[in-house]
Amino acid sequence: MGVTGATGQLTRIISQRRSHRRQWRILECLAMVLLDATLVAISFYLAYLIRFQLLFESPWLDRLRRALTDASPSHATFIPLDKLTEMQAGIVIGAIVIFAVRGLYRLRLTGTWFRQMWTITSSATIGMAFLITYYFVFQPTANSRLLVPFVWAISIVLLCLGRLIASAIMGTLYQLGLGETRVLVVGSGRLAKMIMQHVAANPSLGYSIVGFLHDLENAPGDFGRFKMLGTLDDLGMAIRSMQVDEVIIALPSHLHEQVIRTVRLCERLGTSFKLIPDLYELSLSRIDMESIEGIPLIGIKQSSLNRWQRAVTRAVDIVVSSLILLLGAPLWLCIALAIRLDSPGSVIYKSTRIGLNGKPFQMYKFRSMYQNADQMLTALLDRNEAQGPLFKMRSDPRITRVGRLLRKLSLDEIPQFINVLKGEMSLVGPRPALPREVAQYEEWQKGRLAIKPGISGLWQVRGRSDLSFDEGVLLDLYYIENWSLRLYFQILLSTIPAVIFRRGAY
């Protein structure tokens, strides 16, 4: 009886959570509809001011007005705003209908801004075409042809800005735990790690991974912050106990029977699910999906890093590094003096690191440890607080007083801008690895050597030493596989608050 009561209570909790989640999605959708309607109405009003205030009353624009409206000053007709109320209402309602038909309100607000921008632009263009057709066919008495393109242009700008702001707000709410989607990953191989890598790299998407189920004979244990909740046979229990909103099935192709069984169990429990196809270990970020009459076609995108993009990033690397080294020269000299006065040894510490395609190079840093730090490492290995091949200690006795301050402020890494100027590093990229670390890499971890190491990267801006080694490698691989100029600059800008708030710096 007690077990039955507990099961019933758990079922009610899950049902209530799903109900709250549906209500949140409905509220989110209604809020966006209201926001879009308001912005389209404002766009109409601004277009009216431009058309009947700026162009109508300004003498210096009279020639432009006549050229666009084919009217002379004496025949120009002023239309009061209240005469265009029906037109304004029609545009607002029509815009919302077109947006809904084209699926704008089904898109997730965070992570799809460019797709939303394209949908808004194309939908506004369709709406303008309908409006022009209406004018041509019915020729209403109160109309203004010049008003239409103004409404079209202003509405696109305001709606795109509105979506960008809404996306930022929703991303913040998701990170605070409001409206997040609780996800269970089924699988523990490369595919499962890939989805966990994307979630770790994009916390604003609103997905919270409650854990994963392993598909191997030997249980792999926890994967960084992600908890191993059991085997595939524990799916039902995990869904109920962890209040799962969505299941992501990331099983290899040879486990197709388990995939089918997992899908059927999700359907039976009423839990939504998504399938990740196992495409022979290809990077899913390079998959290009099309369809012909409902038949899915899968292609492979070419590498996104072309010569032009390489030239842009290299130019930014050189300009930014030069400015930091030159403008901050007085501060760097003061740091060098403090290091020399604090402890004996050279000011600059040279360390052999592994760079692009496994090529070693000498990386420069301000010395933050005592001279014999490398010899002391052997005695401290049993006190290592990091996972994998890394060595980390919060209270490392090898760090000097000045060095501890430099590390907290990330100032010890300033000389690495010299490596950037030499072309051995970039401003953004994977953390430069030591040779002994690379010697312990698993095969999939070696993929982080495919591009130049960087001073900053996703690993650094998402938590640095607070993340496990495997999580950091996944973030590096995410950056490599999803490289774009947008992501490059996004990480570059995110480095500033990461340094200021000193997340994971020790």
Protein backbone atom coordinates (compact mmCIF):
# COMPACT_ATOMS: atom_id res chain seq x y z
CA MET A 1 0.00 0.00 0.00
CA GLY A 2 2.85 2.34 0.89
CA VAL A 3 4.60 1.58 -2.40
CA THR A 4 1.37 2.17 -4.32
CA GLY A 5 0.87 5.50 -2.53
CA ALA A 6 4.43 6.61 -3.24
CA THR A 7 4.07 5.63 -6.91
CA GLY A 8 0.81 7.56 -7.15
CA GLN A 9 2.37 10.62 -5.53
CA LEU A 10 5.34 10.46 -7.93
CA THR A 11 2.97 10.17 -10.88
CA ARG A 12 1.06 13.25 -9.67
CA ILE A 13 4.32 15.21 -9.30
CA ILE A 14 5.38 14.29 -12.84
CA SER A 15 1.92 15.17 -14.18
CA GLN A 16 1.99 18.53 -12.39
CA ARG A 17 5.47 19.30 -13.75
CA ARG A 18 4.38 18.49 -17.31
CA SER A 19 1.31 20.68 -16.81
CA HIS A 20 3.47 23.58 -15.54
CA ARG A 21 5.86 23.11 -18.46
CA ARG A 22 2.97 23.23 -20.96
CA GLN A 23 1.66 26.35 -19.25
CA TRP A 24 5.11 27.93 -19.45
CA ARG A 25 5.35 27.19 -23.18
CA ILE A 26 1.85 28.62 -23.77
CA LEU A 27 2.73 31.74 -21.76
CA GLU A 28 6.00 32.09 -23.66
CA CYS A 29 4.18 31.82 -27.00
CA LEU A 30 1.48 34.33 -26.00
CA ALA A 31 4.11 36.77 -24.77
CA MET A 32 5.92 36.59 -28.12
CA VAL A 33 2.66 37.07 -30.05
CA LEU A 34 1.86 40.13 -27.94
CA LEU A 35 5.41 41.49 -28.37
CA ASP A 36 5.32 40.99 -32.15
CA ALA A 37 1.90 42.64 -32.44
CA THR A 38 3.10 45.61 -30.39
CA LEU A 39 6.28 46.01 -32.44
CA VAL A 40 4.38 45.83 -35.76
CA ALA A 41 1.94 48.47 -34.48
CA ILE A 42 4.87 50.68 -33.43
CA SER A 43 6.48 50.12 -36.84
CA PHE A 44 3.29 51.34 -38.54
CA TYR A 45 3.22 54.46 -36.35
CA LEU A 46 6.90 55.25 -37.05
CA ALA A 47 6.34 54.68 -40.76
CA TYR A 48 3.37 57.08 -40.61
CA LEU A 49 5.51 59.76 -38.95
CA ILE A 50 8.18 59.42 -41.62
CA ARG A 51 5.67 59.44 -44.47
CA PHE A 52 3.34 62.23 -43.31
CA GLN A 53 5.66 64.32 -41.11
CA LEU A 54 9.19 64.06 -42.45
CA LEU A 55 8.50 63.55 -46.16
CA PHE A 56 5.25 65.53 -46.28
CA GLU A 57 6.26 68.68 -44.42
CA SER A 58 10.01 68.97 -45.03
CA PRO A 59 10.70 71.21 -48.08
CA TRP A 60 14.15 69.73 -48.66
CA LEU A 61 12.56 66.29 -49.12
CA ASP A 62 9.75 67.50 -51.33
CA ARG A 63 11.58 66.52 -54.50
CA LEU A 64 12.14 62.98 -53.16
CA ARG A 65 8.48 62.75 -52.11
CA ARG A 66 7.30 63.81 -55.56
CA ALA A 67 9.63 61.32 -57.23
CA LEU A 68 8.33 58.45 -55.10
CA THR A 69 4.62 59.41 -55.06
CA ASP A 70 4.27 61.00 -58.53
CA ALA A 71 2.46 63.94 -56.96
CA SER A 72 3.08 67.65 -56.95
CA PRO A 73 3.03 69.69 -53.72
CA SER A 74 -0.36 71.10 -54.53
CA HIS A 75 -1.90 67.65 -55.04
CA ALA A 76 -0.26 65.94 -52.03
CA THR A 77 -2.93 64.61 -49.71
CA PHE A 78 -2.44 64.46 -45.96
CA ILE A 79 -4.15 61.43 -44.38
CA PRO A 80 -4.93 61.60 -40.62
CA LEU A 81 -3.74 58.63 -38.58
CA ASP A 82 -7.29 57.68 -37.50
CA LYS A 83 -8.21 57.16 -41.16
CA LEU A 84 -5.59 54.40 -41.35
CA THR A 85 -6.71 52.49 -38.24
CA GLU A 86 -8.21 49.63 -40.27
CA MET A 87 -5.07 49.39 -42.35
CA GLN A 88 -2.91 49.28 -39.20
CA ALA A 89 -5.07 46.57 -37.61
CA GLY A 90 -5.01 44.53 -40.83
CA ILE A 91 -1.21 44.71 -41.03
CA VAL A 92 -0.80 43.67 -37.38
CA ILE A 93 -3.23 40.74 -37.64
CA GLY A 94 -1.87 39.69 -41.03
CA ALA A 95 1.71 39.71 -39.76
CA ILE A 96 0.85 37.53 -36.75
CA VAL A 97 -1.03 35.06 -38.97
CA ILE A 98 1.84 34.80 -41.44
CA PHE A 99 4.35 34.34 -38.60
CA ALA A 100 2.23 31.57 -37.09
CA VAL A 101 1.72 29.78 -40.43
CA ARG A 102 5.47 29.89 -41.14
CA GLY A 103 6.28 28.36 -37.74
CA LEU A 104 7.95 31.33 -36.06
CA TYR A 105 6.27 30.58 -32.73
CA ARG A 106 7.40 26.95 -32.81
CA LEU A 107 11.06 27.96 -32.87
CA ARG A 108 12.98 27.95 -29.62
CA LEU A 109 13.76 31.54 -28.69
CA THR A 110 17.36 30.85 -27.68
CA GLY A 111 19.92 29.57 -30.14
CA THR A 112 17.90 30.22 -33.35
CA TRP A 113 18.10 34.00 -33.78
CA PHE A 114 19.38 33.88 -37.38
CA ARG A 115 16.61 31.47 -38.36
CA GLN A 116 14.04 33.71 -36.66
CA MET A 117 15.50 36.73 -38.44
CA TRP A 118 15.16 34.99 -41.82
CA THR A 119 11.57 33.93 -41.02
CA ILE A 120 10.67 37.49 -39.98
CA THR A 121 12.24 39.03 -43.11
CA SER A 122 10.66 36.59 -45.55
CA SER A 123 7.27 36.76 -43.78
CA ALA A 124 7.30 40.58 -43.83
CA THR A 125 8.10 40.46 -47.55
CA ILE A 126 5.18 38.10 -48.16
CA GLY A 127 2.92 40.43 -46.17
CA MET A 128 4.05 43.43 -48.22
CA ALA A 129 3.31 41.53 -51.43
CA PHE A 130 -0.22 40.77 -50.19
CA LEU A 131 -0.74 44.42 -49.23
CA ILE A 132 0.42 45.72 -52.61
CA THR A 133 -1.89 43.23 -54.32
CA TYR A 134 -4.80 44.41 -52.15
CA TYR A 135 -4.13 48.04 -53.11
CA PHE A 136 -3.96 47.13 -56.80
CA VAL A 137 -7.21 45.13 -56.78
CA PHE A 138 -9.47 47.13 -54.42
CA GLN A 139 -7.84 50.61 -54.56
CA PRO A 140 -9.14 51.93 -51.19
CA THR A 141 -9.68 55.68 -50.88
CA ALA A 142 -7.49 56.16 -47.77
CA ASN A 143 -4.15 54.70 -48.74
CA SER A 144 -0.51 55.55 -49.13
CA ARG A 145 1.71 53.47 -51.36
CA LEU A 146 4.86 54.93 -49.83
CA LEU A 147 3.74 53.85 -46.36
CA VAL A 148 4.04 50.14 -47.24
CA PRO A 149 7.83 49.90 -47.78
CA PHE A 150 8.43 52.00 -44.67
CA VAL A 151 6.33 49.63 -42.54
CA TRP A 152 8.13 46.66 -44.12
CA ALA A 153 11.65 47.97 -43.38
CA ILE A 154 10.96 49.31 -39.87
CA SER A 155 9.06 46.19 -38.77
CA ILE A 156 11.91 43.91 -39.82
CA VAL A 157 14.41 45.95 -37.80
CA LEU A 158 12.22 46.21 -34.69
CA LEU A 159 11.10 42.58 -34.76
CA CYS A 160 14.65 41.26 -35.17
CA LEU A 161 15.88 43.47 -32.30
CA GLY A 162 12.91 42.40 -30.20
CA ARG A 163 13.67 38.73 -30.79
CA LEU A 164 17.32 39.31 -29.89
CA ILE A 165 16.37 40.94 -26.58
CA ALA A 166 13.75 38.28 -25.85
CA SER A 167 16.32 35.57 -26.56
CA ALA A 168 18.75 37.13 -24.07
CA ILE A 169 16.03 37.42 -21.42
CA MET A 170 14.87 33.83 -21.94
CA GLY A 171 18.47 32.59 -21.83
CA THR A 172 18.88 34.27 -18.44
CA LEU A 173 15.62 32.76 -17.16
CA TYR A 174 16.66 29.31 -18.38
CA GLN A 175 19.98 29.58 -16.55
CA LEU A 176 18.05 30.49 -13.40
CA GLY A 177 16.05 27.27 -13.81
CA LEU A 178 12.78 28.85 -15.02
CA GLY A 179 11.14 27.01 -17.89
CA GLU A 180 14.12 24.71 -18.42
CA THR A 181 13.71 21.33 -20.12
CA ARG A 182 14.94 18.41 -18.00
CA VAL A 183 16.67 15.99 -20.36
CA LEU A 184 17.76 12.37 -19.92
CA VAL A 185 20.39 11.12 -22.35
CA VAL A 186 20.16 7.45 -23.29
CA GLY A 187 23.68 6.33 -24.21
CA SER A 188 27.24 6.82 -23.05
CA GLY A 189 29.30 6.67 -26.26
CA ARG A 190 30.47 9.30 -28.71
CA LEU A 191 26.94 10.37 -29.66
CA ALA A 192 25.88 10.84 -26.04
CA LYS A 193 29.04 12.79 -25.25
CA MET A 194 28.34 14.96 -28.28
CA ILE A 195 24.91 16.06 -27.03
CA MET A 196 26.30 16.68 -23.55
CA GLN A 197 29.07 18.72 -25.16
CA HIS A 198 26.50 20.92 -26.93
CA VAL A 199 24.47 21.43 -23.75
CA ALA A 200 27.60 22.35 -21.78
CA ALA A 201 28.63 24.80 -24.52
CA ASN A 202 25.19 26.45 -24.72
CA PRO A 203 23.67 26.84 -21.23
CA SER A 204 21.25 29.49 -22.50
CA LEU A 205 19.36 26.94 -24.61
CA GLY A 206 17.38 25.93 -21.55
CA TYR A 207 18.28 22.25 -21.43
CA SER A 208 19.26 20.71 -18.10
CA ILE A 209 20.69 17.19 -18.36
CA VAL A 210 19.63 15.22 -15.28
CA GLY A 211 21.95 12.35 -16.17
CA PHE A 212 22.55 9.58 -18.68
CA LEU A 213 22.09 5.81 -19.02
CA HIS A 214 25.10 3.80 -20.14
CA ASP A 215 24.98 1.30 -22.98
CA LEU A 216 28.30 -0.47 -22.28
CA GLU A 217 29.03 -3.75 -20.56
CA ASN A 218 31.25 -2.02 -18.03
CA ALA A 219 29.63 0.99 -16.35
CA PRO A 220 31.70 4.10 -17.26
CA GLY A 221 30.76 6.08 -14.12
CA ASP A 222 29.88 9.77 -14.04
CA PHE A 223 30.95 11.98 -16.94
CA GLY A 224 32.10 15.24 -15.38
CA ARG A 225 29.05 17.01 -13.95
CA PHE A 226 26.70 14.57 -15.71
CA LYS A 227 25.61 11.67 -13.52
CA MET A 228 25.34 8.05 -14.65
CA LEU A 229 21.86 6.92 -13.54
CA GLY A 230 22.03 3.26 -14.55
CA THR A 231 21.67 1.03 -17.60
CA LEU A 232 19.17 1.02 -20.45
CA ASP A 233 16.93 -1.23 -18.34
CA ASP A 234 16.55 1.61 -15.81
CA LEU A 235 14.92 3.99 -18.31
CA GLY A 236 11.43 3.88 -16.80
CA MET A 237 12.71 4.37 -13.28
CA ALA A 238 14.93 7.28 -14.35
CA ILE A 239 12.10 9.05 -16.19
CA ARG A 240 9.82 8.81 -13.17
CA SER A 241 12.33 9.57 -10.41
CA MET A 242 14.12 12.44 -12.19
CA GLN A 243 10.95 14.11 -13.55
CA VAL A 244 12.27 13.96 -17.10
CA ASP A 245 10.68 16.25 -19.70
CA GLU A 246 12.48 14.89 -22.73
CA VAL A 247 14.61 11.84 -23.58
CA ILE A 248 17.43 12.12 -26.09
CA ILE A 249 18.31 8.71 -27.54
CA ALA A 250 21.98 8.65 -28.56
CA LEU A 251 22.69 4.96 -29.13
CA PRO A 252 25.06 3.50 -31.73
CA SER A 253 23.54 1.93 -34.85
CA HIS A 254 24.22 -1.68 -33.80
CA LEU A 255 21.87 -1.24 -30.82
CA HIS A 256 18.84 -0.65 -33.05
CA GLU A 257 16.67 -3.06 -31.02
CA GLN A 258 17.37 -1.09 -27.84
CA VAL A 259 16.52 2.10 -29.74
CA ILE A 260 13.12 0.72 -30.72
CA ARG A 261 12.46 -0.51 -27.18
CA THR A 262 13.42 2.90 -25.76
CA VAL A 263 11.13 4.71 -28.19
CA ARG A 264 8.18 2.46 -27.33
CA LEU A 265 8.74 2.91 -23.59
CA CYS A 266 8.84 6.71 -24.00
CA GLU A 267 5.59 6.57 -25.95
CA ARG A 268 3.99 4.39 -23.29
CA LEU A 269 5.06 6.81 -20.51
CA GLY A 270 3.97 9.86 -22.47
CA THR A 271 7.49 11.35 -22.50
CA SER A 272 8.68 13.27 -25.55
CA PHE A 273 11.88 12.02 -27.14
CA LYS A 274 14.42 12.85 -29.84
CA LEU A 275 16.68 10.51 -31.81
CA ILE A 276 20.28 11.30 -32.78
CA PRO A 277 21.31 9.27 -35.86
CA ASP A 278 24.59 7.39 -35.67
CA LEU A 279 26.23 8.46 -38.93
CA TYR A 280 29.45 6.48 -38.73
CA GLU A 281 31.00 8.79 -36.13
CA LEU A 282 30.72 11.84 -38.39
CA SER A 283 30.46 15.21 -36.71
CA LEU A 284 26.74 15.94 -36.53
CA SER A 285 27.44 19.66 -36.90
CA ARG A 286 28.50 18.96 -40.50
CA ILE A 287 25.31 17.14 -41.44
CA ASP A 288 23.19 18.88 -44.07
CA MET A 289 19.53 17.79 -44.15
CA GLU A 290 17.20 18.20 -47.14
CA SER A 291 14.10 16.41 -48.33
CA ILE A 292 12.39 15.52 -51.59
CA GLU A 293 8.67 14.96 -51.14
CA GLY A 294 9.21 13.87 -47.54
CA ILE A 295 12.23 11.63 -48.28
CA PRO A 296 15.15 12.79 -46.06
CA LEU A 297 18.47 13.43 -47.82
CA ILE A 298 21.66 13.62 -45.77
CA GLY A 299 24.77 15.41 -46.99
CA ILE A 300 28.10 16.45 -45.47
CA LYS A 301 29.02 20.13 -45.32
CA GLN A 302 32.50 21.17 -46.28
CA SER A 303 34.84 22.61 -43.68
CA SER A 304 33.65 26.09 -42.67
CA LEU A 305 37.12 27.55 -42.08
CA ASN A 306 38.14 29.01 -45.46
CA ARG A 307 41.04 31.25 -46.39
CA TRP A 308 39.06 34.47 -45.99
CA GLN A 309 37.97 33.52 -42.49
CA ARG A 310 41.50 32.49 -41.57
CA ALA A 311 42.75 35.87 -42.78
CA VAL A 312 40.14 37.71 -40.67
CA THR A 313 40.96 35.81 -37.48
CA ARG A 314 44.70 36.18 -38.06
CA ALA A 315 44.30 39.93 -38.58
CA VAL A 316 42.26 40.23 -35.37
CA ASP A 317 44.85 38.13 -33.50
CA ILE A 318 47.68 40.42 -34.61
CA VAL A 319 45.86 43.73 -34.00
CA VAL A 320 44.48 42.83 -30.57
CA SER A 321 47.74 41.24 -29.37
CA SER A 322 49.81 44.22 -30.52
CA LEU A 323 47.48 46.72 -28.83
CA ILE A 324 47.46 44.80 -25.53
CA LEU A 325 51.24 44.42 -25.45
CA LEU A 326 51.92 48.06 -26.41
CA LEU A 327 49.21 49.88 -24.45
CA GLY A 328 49.75 47.81 -21.33
CA ALA A 329 53.55 47.97 -21.45
CA PRO A 330 53.90 50.08 -18.23
CA LEU A 331 51.76 47.58 -16.30
CA TRP A 332 53.68 44.60 -17.70
CA LEU A 333 56.95 46.21 -16.56
CA CYS A 334 55.53 46.68 -13.06
CA ILE A 335 54.46 43.02 -12.98
CA ALA A 336 57.93 41.94 -14.09
CA LEU A 337 59.50 44.01 -11.30
CA ALA A 338 57.11 42.53 -8.71
CA ILE A 339 57.95 38.98 -9.82
CA ARG A 340 61.69 39.67 -9.59
CA LEU A 341 61.40 41.21 -6.09
CA ASP A 342 59.07 38.47 -4.78
CA SER A 343 61.24 35.42 -5.55
CA PRO A 344 64.45 34.52 -7.40
CA GLY A 345 64.26 33.35 -10.99
CA SER A 346 63.45 34.61 -14.46
CA VAL A 347 60.45 36.84 -15.05
CA ILE A 348 59.21 34.88 -18.08
CA TYR A 349 58.53 31.16 -17.73
CA LYS A 350 58.95 29.09 -20.89
CA SER A 351 56.99 25.87 -21.18
CA THR A 352 56.93 23.34 -24.01
CA ARG A 353 53.37 22.93 -25.27
CA ILE A 354 51.75 20.99 -28.09
CA GLY A 355 50.22 23.12 -30.80
CA LEU A 356 48.56 22.71 -34.18
CA ASN A 357 48.69 19.12 -35.49
CA GLY A 358 50.82 18.01 -32.53
CA LYS A 359 53.72 20.40 -33.25
CA PRO A 360 55.57 21.47 -30.04
CA PHE A 361 56.37 25.13 -29.31
CA GLN A 362 57.66 27.27 -26.44
CA MET A 363 54.80 29.03 -24.66
CA TYR A 364 55.54 32.17 -22.60
CA LYS A 365 53.97 33.12 -19.27
CA PHE A 366 54.81 35.43 -16.39
CA ARG A 367 56.42 33.16 -13.80
CA SER A 368 53.89 32.47 -11.05
CA MET A 369 55.74 29.60 -9.29
CA TYR A 370 59.06 29.12 -7.56
CA GLN A 371 62.09 28.13 -9.61
CA ASN A 372 62.02 24.46 -8.63
CA ALA A 373 58.27 24.03 -9.25
CA ASP A 374 58.74 21.31 -11.88
CA GLN A 375 60.89 19.24 -9.51
CA MET A 376 58.29 19.60 -6.73
CA LEU A 377 55.48 18.25 -8.97
CA THR A 378 56.33 14.57 -8.42
CA ALA A 379 55.82 14.87 -4.69
CA LEU A 380 52.43 16.52 -5.18
CA LEU A 381 50.87 14.15 -7.73
CA ASP A 382 48.91 12.24 -5.07
CA ARG A 383 47.21 15.54 -4.09
CA ASN A 384 45.92 16.22 -7.61
CA GLU A 385 42.35 17.62 -7.58
CA ALA A 386 41.75 17.36 -11.34
CA GLN A 387 40.53 14.46 -13.44
CA GLY A 388 42.33 13.03 -16.43
CA PRO A 389 45.88 14.02 -17.37
CA LEU A 390 45.67 17.51 -15.82
CA PHE A 391 47.23 18.52 -12.51
CA LYS A 392 45.37 21.13 -10.44
CA MET A 393 45.53 22.18 -6.78
CA ARG A 394 43.62 25.08 -5.27
CA SER A 395 46.33 25.60 -2.66
CA ASP A 396 49.38 24.68 -4.72
CA PRO A 397 52.47 25.32 -2.49
CA ARG A 398 54.58 26.00 -5.59
CA ILE A 399 52.78 29.27 -6.37
CA THR A 400 54.40 32.50 -5.16
CA ARG A 401 52.55 35.36 -3.48
CA VAL A 402 52.66 37.52 -6.61
CA GLY A 403 51.90 34.49 -8.75
CA ARG A 404 48.69 33.76 -6.86
CA LEU A 405 47.43 37.28 -7.58
CA LEU A 406 48.49 37.06 -11.22
CA ARG A 407 46.62 33.78 -11.67
CA LYS A 408 43.42 35.10 -10.11
CA LEU A 409 43.50 38.07 -12.49
CA SER A 410 44.74 35.92 -15.44
CA LEU A 411 47.65 38.35 -15.87
CA ASP A 412 50.19 35.52 -15.90
CA GLU A 413 49.02 34.70 -19.45
CA ILE A 414 49.86 38.12 -20.94
CA PRO A 415 53.17 36.98 -22.54
CA GLN A 416 51.16 34.44 -24.56
CA PHE A 417 50.22 37.34 -26.84
CA ILE A 418 53.81 37.04 -28.09
CA ASN A 419 52.98 33.45 -29.11
CA VAL A 420 49.94 34.81 -30.92
CA LEU A 421 52.06 37.30 -32.85
CA LYS A 422 54.46 34.49 -33.78
CA GLY A 423 51.52 32.49 -35.17
CA GLU A 424 51.90 29.63 -32.68
CA MET A 425 48.64 30.46 -30.89
CA SER A 426 45.39 32.31 -31.51
CA LEU A 427 43.28 34.52 -29.28
CA VAL A 428 40.62 31.80 -29.27
CA GLY A 429 41.22 28.06 -29.32
CA PRO A 430 41.76 24.99 -27.15
CA ARG A 431 43.92 25.30 -24.07
CA PRO A 432 47.60 24.60 -25.00
CA ALA A 433 48.47 21.14 -23.64
CA LEU A 434 51.65 19.81 -22.08
CA PRO A 435 53.42 16.90 -23.84
CA ARG A 436 52.79 14.57 -20.87
CA GLU A 437 49.07 15.39 -21.08
CA VAL A 438 48.89 14.67 -24.82
CA ALA A 439 50.66 11.33 -24.25
CA GLN A 440 47.68 10.26 -22.10
CA TYR A 441 44.99 11.39 -24.56
CA GLU A 442 42.41 8.93 -25.79
CA GLU A 443 41.91 8.87 -29.56
CA TRP A 444 38.81 11.10 -29.52
CA GLN A 445 40.56 13.67 -27.32
CA LYS A 446 43.32 14.20 -29.90
CA GLY A 447 40.82 16.06 -32.06
CA ARG A 448 41.50 19.21 -30.00
CA LEU A 449 44.91 19.44 -31.71
CA ALA A 450 43.26 20.14 -35.08
CA ILE A 451 43.56 23.95 -34.70
CA LYS A 452 45.91 26.39 -33.01
CA PRO A 453 45.66 26.54 -29.22
CA GLY A 454 44.24 29.76 -27.83
CA ILE A 455 44.64 32.17 -24.93
CA SER A 456 40.89 31.93 -24.40
CA GLY A 457 38.28 29.39 -25.45
CA LEU A 458 34.97 27.83 -24.53
CA TRP A 459 36.70 25.88 -21.75
CA GLN A 460 37.97 29.13 -20.21
CA VAL A 461 34.74 31.15 -20.48
CA ARG A 462 32.55 28.30 -19.21
CA GLY A 463 34.42 27.69 -15.96
CA ARG A 464 38.11 26.82 -16.52
CA SER A 465 39.32 24.76 -13.56
CA ASP A 466 35.75 24.21 -12.32
CA LEU A 467 35.16 21.86 -15.28
CA SER A 468 36.44 18.32 -15.57
CA PHE A 469 39.01 17.45 -18.24
CA ASP A 470 36.48 15.53 -20.35
CA GLU A 471 34.01 18.43 -20.22
CA GLY A 472 36.76 20.83 -21.27
CA VAL A 473 37.77 18.62 -24.19
CA LEU A 474 34.13 18.40 -25.30
CA LEU A 475 33.92 22.19 -25.29
CA ASP A 476 37.12 22.40 -27.34
CA LEU A 477 35.75 19.88 -29.84
CA TYR A 478 32.48 21.80 -30.01
CA TYR A 479 34.40 24.95 -30.95
CA ILE A 480 36.41 23.11 -33.62
CA GLU A 481 33.41 21.33 -35.15
CA ASN A 482 31.16 24.41 -35.07
CA TRP A 483 33.76 27.04 -35.89
CA SER A 484 32.48 30.34 -37.24
CA LEU A 485 33.50 33.97 -37.07
CA ARG A 486 30.42 34.58 -34.93
CA LEU A 487 31.51 31.96 -32.39
CA TYR A 488 35.10 33.28 -32.48
CA PHE A 489 34.00 36.83 -31.59
CA GLN A 490 31.41 35.59 -29.12
CA ILE A 491 34.08 33.76 -27.12
CA LEU A 492 36.43 36.72 -27.43
CA LEU A 493 33.82 39.05 -25.90
CA SER A 494 32.82 36.48 -23.26
CA THR A 495 36.43 36.36 -22.08
CA ILE A 496 36.11 39.84 -20.55
CA PRO A 497 33.45 38.97 -17.91
CA ALA A 498 35.11 35.57 -17.36
CA VAL A 499 38.36 37.33 -16.39
CA ILE A 500 36.61 40.01 -14.34
CA PHE A 501 34.56 37.54 -12.30
CA ARG A 502 37.50 35.07 -12.13
CA ARG A 503 35.38 31.95 -12.75
CA GLY A 504 37.51 28.85 -12.10
CA ALA A 505 40.77 30.83 -11.88
CA TYR A 506 43.30 29.48 -9.39
